PDB file of N, CA and C in Angstrom:
ATOM      1  N   MET A   1      97.730 128.195 111.550  1.00  0.00           N
ATOM      2  CA  MET A   1      98.265 127.502 110.203  1.00  0.00           C
ATOM      3  C   MET A   1      99.588 127.893 109.702  1.00  0.00           C
ATOM      4  N   SER A   2     100.349 127.048 109.442  1.00  0.00           N
ATOM      5  CA  SER A   2     101.751 127.227 109.010  1.00  0.00           C
ATOM      6  C   SER A   2     101.830 127.790 107.571  1.00  0.00           C
ATOM      7  N   ALA A   3     102.824 128.518 107.298  1.00  0.00           N
ATOM      8  CA  ALA A   3     102.867 129.379 106.063  1.00  0.00           C
ATOM      9  C   ALA A   3     102.833 128.506 104.937  1.00  0.00           C
ATOM     10  N   ASN A   4     103.430 127.125 104.879  1.00  0.00           N
ATOM     11  CA  ASN A   4     103.525 126.445 103.879  1.00  0.00           C
ATOM     12  C   ASN A   4     102.381 125.294 103.793  1.00  0.00           C
ATOM     13  N   ARG A   5     101.293 125.545 104.555  1.00  0.00           N
ATOM     14  CA  ARG A   5     100.209 124.584 104.672  1.00  0.00           C
ATOM     15  C   ARG A   5      99.265 124.970 103.323  1.00  0.00           C
ATOM     16  N   GLN A   6      98.906 123.964 102.565  1.00  0.00           N
ATOM     17  CA  GLN A   6      98.029 124.317 101.401  1.00  0.00           C
ATOM     18  C   GLN A   6      96.635 123.875 101.638  1.00  0.00           C
ATOM     19  N   PRO A   7      95.716 124.715 100.944  1.00  0.00           N
ATOM     20  CA  PRO A   7      94.229 124.431 101.350  1.00  0.00           C
ATOM     21  C   PRO A   7      94.028 122.910 100.668  1.00  0.00           C
ATOM     22  N   VAL A   8      93.123 122.425 101.149  1.00  0.00           N
ATOM     23  CA  VAL A   8      92.469 121.050 100.818  1.00  0.00           C
ATOM     24  C   VAL A   8      91.061 121.360 100.161  1.00  0.00           C
ATOM     25  N   ALA A   9      90.889 120.954  98.940  1.00  0.00           N
ATOM     26  CA  ALA A   9      89.605 120.912  98.277  1.00  0.00           C
ATOM     27  C   ALA A   9      89.080 119.653  98.303  1.00  0.00           C
ATOM     28  N   THR A  10      87.596 119.646  98.357  1.00  0.00           N
ATOM     29  CA  THR A  10      86.879 118.154  98.351  1.00  0.00           C
ATOM     30  C   THR A  10      86.008 118.208  97.243  1.00  0.00           C
ATOM     31  N   PHE A  11      85.825 117.235  96.569  1.00  0.00           N
ATOM     32  CA  PHE A  11      84.845 116.898  95.410  1.00  0.00           C
ATOM     33  C   PHE A  11      84.299 115.645  95.380  1.00  0.00           C
ATOM     34  N   SER A  12      83.048 115.564  95.305  1.00  0.00           N
ATOM     35  CA  SER A  12      82.499 114.225  95.280  1.00  0.00           C
ATOM     36  C   SER A  12      82.908 113.477  93.782  1.00  0.00           C
ATOM     37  N   SER A  13      82.645 112.285  93.814  1.00  0.00           N
ATOM     38  CA  SER A  13      83.185 111.671  92.695  1.00  0.00           C
ATOM     39  C   SER A  13      82.259 111.979  91.480  1.00  0.00           C
ATOM     40  N   ARG A  14      81.064 112.335  91.698  1.00  0.00           N
ATOM     41  CA  ARG A  14      80.258 112.826  90.595  1.00  0.00           C
ATOM     42  C   ARG A  14      80.761 114.284  90.108  1.00  0.00           C
ATOM     43  N   GLU A  15      81.117 115.075  91.095  1.00  0.00           N
ATOM     44  CA  GLU A  15      81.608 116.349  90.667  1.00  0.00           C
ATOM     45  C   GLU A  15      82.971 116.228  89.951  1.00  0.00           C
ATOM     46  N   PHE A  16      83.807 115.189  90.356  1.00  0.00           N
ATOM     47  CA  PHE A  16      85.004 114.943  89.690  1.00  0.00           C
ATOM     48  C   PHE A  16      84.741 114.595  88.216  1.00  0.00           C
ATOM     49  N   ALA A  17      83.835 113.656  87.964  1.00  0.00           N
ATOM     50  CA  ALA A  17      83.459 113.228  86.681  1.00  0.00           C
ATOM     51  C   ALA A  17      82.982 114.205  85.742  1.00  0.00           C
ATOM     52  N   HIS A  18      82.293 115.297  86.290  1.00  0.00           N
ATOM     53  CA  HIS A  18      81.744 116.347  85.485  1.00  0.00           C
ATOM     54  C   HIS A  18      82.415 117.460  85.437  1.00  0.00           C
ATOM     55  N   ASP A  19      83.478 117.691  86.159  1.00  0.00           N
ATOM     56  CA  ASP A  19      84.234 118.975  86.184  1.00  0.00           C
ATOM     57  C   ASP A  19      85.586 118.570  86.392  1.00  0.00           C
ATOM     58  N   LEU A  20      86.343 117.741  85.330  1.00  0.00           N
ATOM     59  CA  LEU A  20      87.698 117.457  85.815  1.00  0.00           C
ATOM     60  C   LEU A  20      88.619 118.718  85.748  1.00  0.00           C
ATOM     61  N   ALA A  21      88.271 119.643  84.628  1.00  0.00           N
ATOM     62  CA  ALA A  21      88.981 120.952  84.723  1.00  0.00           C
ATOM     63  C   ALA A  21      89.084 121.585  86.056  1.00  0.00           C
ATOM     64  N   GLY A  22      87.940 121.725  86.673  1.00  0.00           N
ATOM     65  CA  GLY A  22      87.828 122.487  87.826  1.00  0.00           C
ATOM     66  C   GLY A  22      88.600 121.803  88.967  1.00  0.00           C
ATOM     67  N   VAL A  23      88.501 120.369  88.933  1.00  0.00           N
ATOM     68  CA  VAL A  23      89.366 119.671  89.880  1.00  0.00           C
ATOM     69  C   VAL A  23      90.738 119.856  89.668  1.00  0.00           C
ATOM     70  N   LYS A  24      91.378 119.890  88.584  1.00  0.00           N
ATOM     71  CA  LYS A  24      92.589 120.139  88.189  1.00  0.00           C
ATOM     72  C   LYS A  24      93.105 121.483  88.626  1.00  0.00           C
ATOM     73  N   ARG A  25      92.211 122.614  88.160  1.00  0.00           N
ATOM     74  CA  ARG A  25      92.545 123.905  88.890  1.00  0.00           C
ATOM     75  C   ARG A  25      92.855 123.929  90.270  1.00  0.00           C
ATOM     76  N   ALA A  26      91.708 123.222  91.145  1.00  0.00           N
ATOM     77  CA  ALA A  26      91.721 123.252  92.501  1.00  0.00           C
ATOM     78  C   ALA A  26      93.232 122.486  92.823  1.00  0.00           C
ATOM     79  N   ALA A  27      93.670 121.546  92.329  1.00  0.00           N
ATOM     80  CA  ALA A  27      94.758 120.773  92.532  1.00  0.00           C
ATOM     81  C   ALA A  27      96.134 121.720  92.425  1.00  0.00           C
ATOM     82  N   GLN A  28      95.938 122.726  91.651  1.00  0.00           N
ATOM     83  CA  GLN A  28      97.113 123.605  91.531  1.00  0.00           C
ATOM     84  C   GLN A  28      97.304 124.487  92.777  1.00  0.00           C
ATOM     85  N   GLU A  29      96.362 124.559  93.672  1.00  0.00           N
ATOM     86  CA  GLU A  29      96.232 125.297  94.861  1.00  0.00           C
ATOM     87  C   GLU A  29      96.739 124.484  95.863  1.00  0.00           C
ATOM     88  N   GLY A  30      96.550 123.109  95.861  1.00  0.00           N
ATOM     89  CA  GLY A  30      96.653 122.296  96.976  1.00  0.00           C
ATOM     90  C   GLY A  30      95.951 120.830  96.923  1.00  0.00           C
ATOM     91  N   PRO A  31      96.248 119.767  97.648  1.00  0.00           N
ATOM     92  CA  PRO A  31      95.536 118.515  97.513  1.00  0.00           C
ATOM     93  C   PRO A  31      93.967 118.594  97.359  1.00  0.00           C
ATOM     94  N   VAL A  32      93.553 117.740  96.645  1.00  0.00           N
ATOM     95  CA  VAL A  32      92.156 117.619  96.277  1.00  0.00           C
ATOM     96  C   VAL A  32      91.637 115.984  96.858  1.00  0.00           C
ATOM     97  N   PHE A  33      90.611 115.948  97.561  1.00  0.00           N
ATOM     98  CA  PHE A  33      90.154 114.792  98.059  1.00  0.00           C
ATOM     99  C   PHE A  33      88.851 114.481  97.219  1.00  0.00           C
ATOM    100  N   ILE A  34      88.672 113.219  96.744  1.00  0.00           N
ATOM    101  CA  ILE A  34      87.647 112.831  96.046  1.00  0.00           C
ATOM    102  C   ILE A  34      86.892 112.004  96.871  1.00  0.00           C
ATOM    103  N   THR A  35      85.528 112.207  97.299  1.00  0.00           N
ATOM    104  CA  THR A  35      84.850 111.451  97.963  1.00  0.00           C
ATOM    105  C   THR A  35      83.760 110.483  97.395  1.00  0.00           C
ATOM    106  N   ASP A  36      83.493 109.277  98.009  1.00  0.00           N
ATOM    107  CA  ASP A  36      82.393 108.471  97.537  1.00  0.00           C
ATOM    108  C   ASP A  36      81.447 108.346  98.731  1.00  0.00           C
ATOM    109  N   ARG A  37      80.155 108.780  98.752  1.00  0.00           N
ATOM    110  CA  ARG A  37      79.192 108.839  99.711  1.00  0.00           C
ATOM    111  C   ARG A  37      79.686 109.453 100.911  1.00  0.00           C
ATOM    112  N   GLY A  38      80.314 110.584 100.667  1.00  0.00           N
ATOM    113  CA  GLY A  38      80.826 111.582 101.711  1.00  0.00           C
ATOM    114  C   GLY A  38      82.117 111.330 102.386  1.00  0.00           C
ATOM    115  N   ARG A  39      82.676 110.227 101.999  1.00  0.00           N
ATOM    116  CA  ARG A  39      83.889 109.591 102.616  1.00  0.00           C
ATOM    117  C   ARG A  39      85.138 109.783 101.688  1.00  0.00           C
ATOM    118  N   PRO A  40      86.212 110.458 102.051  1.00  0.00           N
ATOM    119  CA  PRO A  40      87.488 110.407 101.060  1.00  0.00           C
ATOM    120  C   PRO A  40      87.877 109.224 100.709  1.00  0.00           C
ATOM    121  N   THR A  41      87.998 109.073  99.496  1.00  0.00           N
ATOM    122  CA  THR A  41      88.578 107.630  98.917  1.00  0.00           C
ATOM    123  C   THR A  41      89.895 107.904  98.021  1.00  0.00           C
ATOM    124  N   TYR A  42      90.051 109.151  97.496  1.00  0.00           N
ATOM    125  CA  TYR A  42      91.244 109.292  96.676  1.00  0.00           C
ATOM    126  C   TYR A  42      91.768 110.723  96.995  1.00  0.00           C
ATOM    127  N   ALA A  43      93.028 110.898  96.637  1.00  0.00           N
ATOM    128  CA  ALA A  43      93.541 112.243  96.783  1.00  0.00           C
ATOM    129  C   ALA A  43      94.291 112.527  95.532  1.00  0.00           C
ATOM    130  N   LEU A  44      94.157 113.831  95.040  1.00  0.00           N
ATOM    131  CA  LEU A  44      94.955 114.305  93.896  1.00  0.00           C
ATOM    132  C   LEU A  44      95.830 115.483  94.205  1.00  0.00           C
ATOM    133  N   MET A  45      97.051 115.392  93.655  1.00  0.00           N
ATOM    134  CA  MET A  45      97.892 116.502  93.946  1.00  0.00           C
ATOM    135  C   MET A  45      98.883 116.564  92.661  1.00  0.00           C
ATOM    136  N   LYS A  46      99.606 117.812  92.731  1.00  0.00           N
ATOM    137  CA  LYS A  46     100.666 118.002  91.613  1.00  0.00           C
ATOM    138  C   LYS A  46     101.699 117.056  91.762  1.00  0.00           C
ATOM    139  N   ILE A  47     102.195 116.617  90.664  1.00  0.00           N
ATOM    140  CA  ILE A  47     103.222 115.522  90.823  1.00  0.00           C
ATOM    141  C   ILE A  47     104.521 116.144  91.490  1.00  0.00           C
ATOM    142  N   GLU A  48     104.830 117.304  91.477  1.00  0.00           N
ATOM    143  CA  GLU A  48     105.874 118.027  92.028  1.00  0.00           C
ATOM    144  C   GLU A  48     105.685 117.918  93.688  1.00  0.00           C
ATOM    145  N   ASP A  49     104.456 118.072  94.188  1.00  0.00           N
ATOM    146  CA  ASP A  49     103.867 117.978  95.497  1.00  0.00           C
ATOM    147  C   ASP A  49     104.265 116.495  95.911  1.00  0.00           C
ATOM    148  N   PHE A  50     103.772 115.538  95.026  1.00  0.00           N
ATOM    149  CA  PHE A  50     103.876 114.095  95.345  1.00  0.00           C
ATOM    150  C   PHE A  50     105.220 113.746  95.430  1.00  0.00           C
ATOM    151  N   ARG A  51     106.206 114.251  94.639  1.00  0.00           N
ATOM    152  CA  ARG A  51     107.515 113.812  94.703  1.00  0.00           C
ATOM    153  C   ARG A  51     108.208 114.321  95.880  1.00  0.00           C
ATOM    154  N   GLN A  52     107.942 115.556  96.197  1.00  0.00           N
ATOM    155  CA  GLN A  52     108.379 116.334  97.492  1.00  0.00           C
ATOM    156  C   GLN A  52     108.007 115.352  98.545  1.00  0.00           C
ATOM    157  N   LEU A  53     106.724 115.029  98.671  1.00  0.00           N
ATOM    158  CA  LEU A  53     106.182 114.295  99.882  1.00  0.00           C
ATOM    159  C   LEU A  53     106.763 112.786  99.836  1.00  0.00           C
ATOM    160  N   ALA A  54     107.041 112.231  98.712  1.00  0.00           N
ATOM    161  CA  ALA A  54     107.591 110.801  98.649  1.00  0.00           C
ATOM    162  C   ALA A  54     109.087 110.877  98.747  1.00  0.00           C
ATOM    163  N   ASN A  55     109.569 112.089  98.667  1.00  0.00           N
ATOM    164  CA  ASN A  55     111.088 112.335  98.723  1.00  0.00           C
ATOM    165  C   ASN A  55     111.803 111.485  97.773  1.00  0.00           C
ATOM    166  N   ALA A  56     111.270 111.596  96.294  1.00  0.00           N
ATOM    167  CA  ALA A  56     111.630 110.819  95.360  1.00  0.00           C
ATOM    168  C   ALA A  56     113.135 111.222  94.963  1.00  0.00           C
ATOM    169  N   GLY A  57     113.863 110.295  94.674  1.00  0.00           N
ATOM    170  CA  GLY A  57     115.142 110.478  94.372  1.00  0.00           C
ATOM    171  C   GLY A  57     116.263 110.292  95.420  1.00  0.00           C
ATOM    172  N   ALA A  58     115.748 110.504  96.613  1.00  0.00           N
ATOM    173  CA  ALA A  58     116.741 110.559  97.918  1.00  0.00           C
ATOM    174  C   ALA A  58     116.826 108.998  98.175  1.00  0.00           C
ATOM    175  N   PRO A  59     118.140 108.695  98.521  1.00  0.00           N
ATOM    176  CA  PRO A  59     118.416 107.316  98.859  1.00  0.00           C
ATOM    177  C   PRO A  59     117.715 106.833 100.009  1.00  0.00           C
ATOM    178  N   SER A  60     117.164 105.592  99.905  1.00  0.00           N
ATOM    179  CA  SER A  60     116.428 105.125 101.182  1.00  0.00           C
ATOM    180  C   SER A  60     117.325 104.965 102.346  1.00  0.00           C
ATOM    181  N   ARG A  61     116.856 105.019 103.419  1.00  0.00           N
ATOM    182  CA  ARG A  61     117.657 104.880 104.724  1.00  0.00           C
ATOM    183  C   ARG A  61     117.054 103.787 105.654  1.00  0.00           C
ATOM    184  N   SER A  62     118.071 103.084 105.964  1.00  0.00           N
ATOM    185  CA  SER A  62     117.746 101.903 106.811  1.00  0.00           C
ATOM    186  C   SER A  62     117.318 102.443 108.189  1.00  0.00           C
ATOM    187  N   LEU A  63     116.728 101.578 109.021  1.00  0.00           N
ATOM    188  CA  LEU A  63     116.368 101.849 110.313  1.00  0.00           C
ATOM    189  C   LEU A  63     117.652 102.294 111.194  1.00  0.00           C
ATOM    190  N   LEU A  64     118.731 101.683 110.910  1.00  0.00           N
ATOM    191  CA  LEU A  64     120.042 101.937 111.640  1.00  0.00           C
ATOM    192  C   LEU A  64     120.462 103.273 111.254  1.00  0.00           C
ATOM    193  N   ASP A  65     120.322 103.678 110.047  1.00  0.00           N
ATOM    194  CA  ASP A  65     120.804 105.102 109.647  1.00  0.00           C
ATOM    195  C   ASP A  65     119.929 106.171 110.249  1.00  0.00           C
ATOM    196  N   VAL A  66     118.610 105.923 110.437  1.00  0.00           N
ATOM    197  CA  VAL A  66     117.637 106.919 110.982  1.00  0.00           C
ATOM    198  C   VAL A  66     118.013 106.942 112.532  1.00  0.00           C
ATOM    199  N   MET A  67     118.438 105.766 113.109  1.00  0.00           N
ATOM    200  CA  MET A  67     118.770 105.732 114.587  1.00  0.00           C
ATOM    201  C   MET A  67     119.945 106.489 114.866  1.00  0.00           C
ATOM    202  N   ASP A  68     120.854 106.201 113.980  1.00  0.00           N
ATOM    203  CA  ASP A  68     122.141 106.829 114.070  1.00  0.00           C
ATOM    204  C   ASP A  68     122.104 108.451 113.896  1.00  0.00           C
ATOM    205  N   SER A  69     121.121 108.845 113.174  1.00  0.00           N
ATOM    206  CA  SER A  69     120.996 110.324 112.894  1.00  0.00           C
ATOM    207  C   SER A  69     120.277 111.068 114.108  1.00  0.00           C
ATOM    208  N   LEU A  70     119.596 110.337 115.108  1.00  0.00           N
ATOM    209  CA  LEU A  70     118.918 110.923 116.116  1.00  0.00           C
ATOM    210  C   LEU A  70     119.821 111.678 117.060  1.00  0.00           C
ATOM    211  N   PRO A  71     119.345 112.849 117.512  1.00  0.00           N
ATOM    212  CA  PRO A  71     120.242 113.499 118.660  1.00  0.00           C
ATOM    213  C   PRO A  71     120.443 112.836 119.702  1.00  0.00           C
ATOM    214  N   ALA A  72     121.429 112.989 120.504  1.00  0.00           N
ATOM    215  CA  ALA A  72     121.911 112.297 121.797  1.00  0.00           C
ATOM    216  C   ALA A  72     121.589 110.975 122.024  1.00  0.00           C
ATOM    217  N   THR A  73     122.199 110.138 120.724  1.00  0.00           N
ATOM    218  CA  THR A  73     122.212 108.690 120.863  1.00  0.00           C
ATOM    219  C   THR A  73     123.589 108.198 120.838  1.00  0.00           C
ATOM    220  N   GLY A  74     124.610 109.101 120.786  1.00  0.00           N
ATOM    221  CA  GLY A  74     125.970 108.664 120.874  1.00  0.00           C
ATOM    222  C   GLY A  74     126.314 108.255 122.188  1.00  0.00           C
ATOM    223  N   GLY A  75     127.156 107.169 122.282  1.00  0.00           N
ATOM    224  CA  GLY A  75     127.650 106.605 123.605  1.00  0.00           C
ATOM    225  C   GLY A  75     126.721 105.691 124.223  1.00  0.00           C
ATOM    226  N   ILE A  76     125.421 105.374 123.767  1.00  0.00           N
ATOM    227  CA  ILE A  76     124.602 104.436 124.178  1.00  0.00           C
ATOM    228  C   ILE A  76     125.001 103.008 123.663  1.00  0.00           C
ATOM    229  N   GLU A  77     125.319 102.177 124.763  1.00  0.00           N
ATOM    230  CA  GLU A  77     125.770 100.702 124.435  1.00  0.00           C
ATOM    231  C   GLU A  77     124.584  99.832 124.579  1.00  0.00           C
ATOM    232  N   PHE A  78     124.558  98.950 123.627  1.00  0.00           N
ATOM    233  CA  PHE A  78     123.525  98.006 123.698  1.00  0.00           C
ATOM    234  C   PHE A  78     124.053  96.609 123.347  1.00  0.00           C
ATOM    235  N   GLU A  79     123.859  95.810 124.389  1.00  0.00           N
ATOM    236  CA  GLU A  79     124.331  94.526 124.292  1.00  0.00           C
ATOM    237  C   GLU A  79     123.369  93.469 124.622  1.00  0.00           C
ATOM    238  N   PRO A  80     122.549  93.052 123.701  1.00  0.00           N
ATOM    239  CA  PRO A  80     121.395  92.101 123.964  1.00  0.00           C
ATOM    240  C   PRO A  80     122.045  90.870 124.694  1.00  0.00           C
ATOM    241  N   PRO A  81     121.284  90.169 125.636  1.00  0.00           N
ATOM    242  CA  PRO A  81     121.907  88.955 125.918  1.00  0.00           C
ATOM    243  C   PRO A  81     121.668  87.855 125.107  1.00  0.00           C
ATOM    244  N   ARG A  82     122.598  86.937 125.096  1.00  0.00           N
ATOM    245  CA  ARG A  82     122.637  85.853 124.207  1.00  0.00           C
ATOM    246  C   ARG A  82     121.674  84.745 124.684  1.00  0.00           C
ATOM    247  N   LEU A  83     120.788  84.330 123.712  1.00  0.00           N
ATOM    248  CA  LEU A  83     119.807  83.265 124.254  1.00  0.00           C
ATOM    249  C   LEU A  83     120.408  81.852 123.787  1.00  0.00           C
ATOM    250  N   GLU A  84     121.051  81.405 124.718  1.00  0.00           N
ATOM    251  CA  GLU A  84     121.627  80.062 124.437  1.00  0.00           C
ATOM    252  C   GLU A  84     120.792  78.909 124.670  1.00  0.00           C
ATOM    253  N   GLY A  85     120.752  77.912 123.735  1.00  0.00           N
ATOM    254  CA  GLY A  85     119.870  76.951 123.855  1.00  0.00           C
ATOM    255  C   GLY A  85     118.474  77.088 123.560  1.00  0.00           C
ATOM    256  N   VAL A  86     118.076  78.282 123.234  1.00  0.00           N
ATOM    257  CA  VAL A  86     116.659  78.587 122.876  1.00  0.00           C
ATOM    258  C   VAL A  86     116.336  78.348 121.590  1.00  0.00           C
ATOM    259  N   VAL A  87     117.479  78.799 120.448  1.00  0.00           N
ATOM    260  CA  VAL A  87     117.321  78.658 119.127  1.00  0.00           C
ATOM    261  C   VAL A  87     118.460  77.644 118.751  1.00  0.00           C
ATOM    262  N   SER A  88     118.042  76.566 117.963  1.00  0.00           N
ATOM    263  CA  SER A  88     118.980  75.674 117.418  1.00  0.00           C
ATOM    264  C   SER A  88     119.141  75.888 115.805  1.00  0.00           C
ATOM    265  N   GLY A  89     120.149  75.410 115.326  1.00  0.00           N
ATOM    266  CA  GLY A  89     120.434  75.440 113.947  1.00  0.00           C
ATOM    267  C   GLY A  89     119.427  74.732 113.091  1.00  0.00           C
ATOM    268  N   ALA A  90     119.298  75.192 111.862  1.00  0.00           N
ATOM    269  CA  ALA A  90     118.265  74.470 111.111  1.00  0.00           C
ATOM    270  C   ALA A  90     118.923  73.222 110.395  1.00  0.00           C
ATOM    271  N   ASP A  91     118.265  72.324 110.348  1.00  0.00           N
ATOM    272  CA  ASP A  91     118.727  70.845 109.592  1.00  0.00           C
ATOM    273  C   ASP A  91     118.414  71.060 108.245  1.00  0.00           C
ATOM    274  N   LEU A  92     119.354  71.320 107.276  1.00  0.00           N
ATOM    275  CA  LEU A  92     119.050  71.488 105.758  1.00  0.00           C
ATOM    276  C   LEU A  92     119.198  70.237 105.001  1.00  0.00           C
ATOM    277  N   ASN A  93     119.450  69.043 105.748  1.00  0.00           N
ATOM    278  CA  ASN A  93     119.436  67.749 105.043  1.00  0.00           C
ATOM    279  C   ASN A  93     118.145  67.146 104.529  1.00  0.00           C
TER     280      ASN A  93
END
């Protein structure tokens, strides 16, 4: 297990409704799963953890930016073939 991995606690929806304070205490240690009929349906976590996970405040990157940041992609040329006659212009009249 990695050093930054947080424990995950699980509470049924009934436990969640009856012991919200306990669920919140558990969320201080790591993510909390809320289950319905034994299946996880919700996740609760500290807002700081959510923001870190969601990378809040960071500028969104396009697919091209991500591709350009990959190692060993420099010098690769890509020239797709032109599809002449396959697609015609739209008639906007």
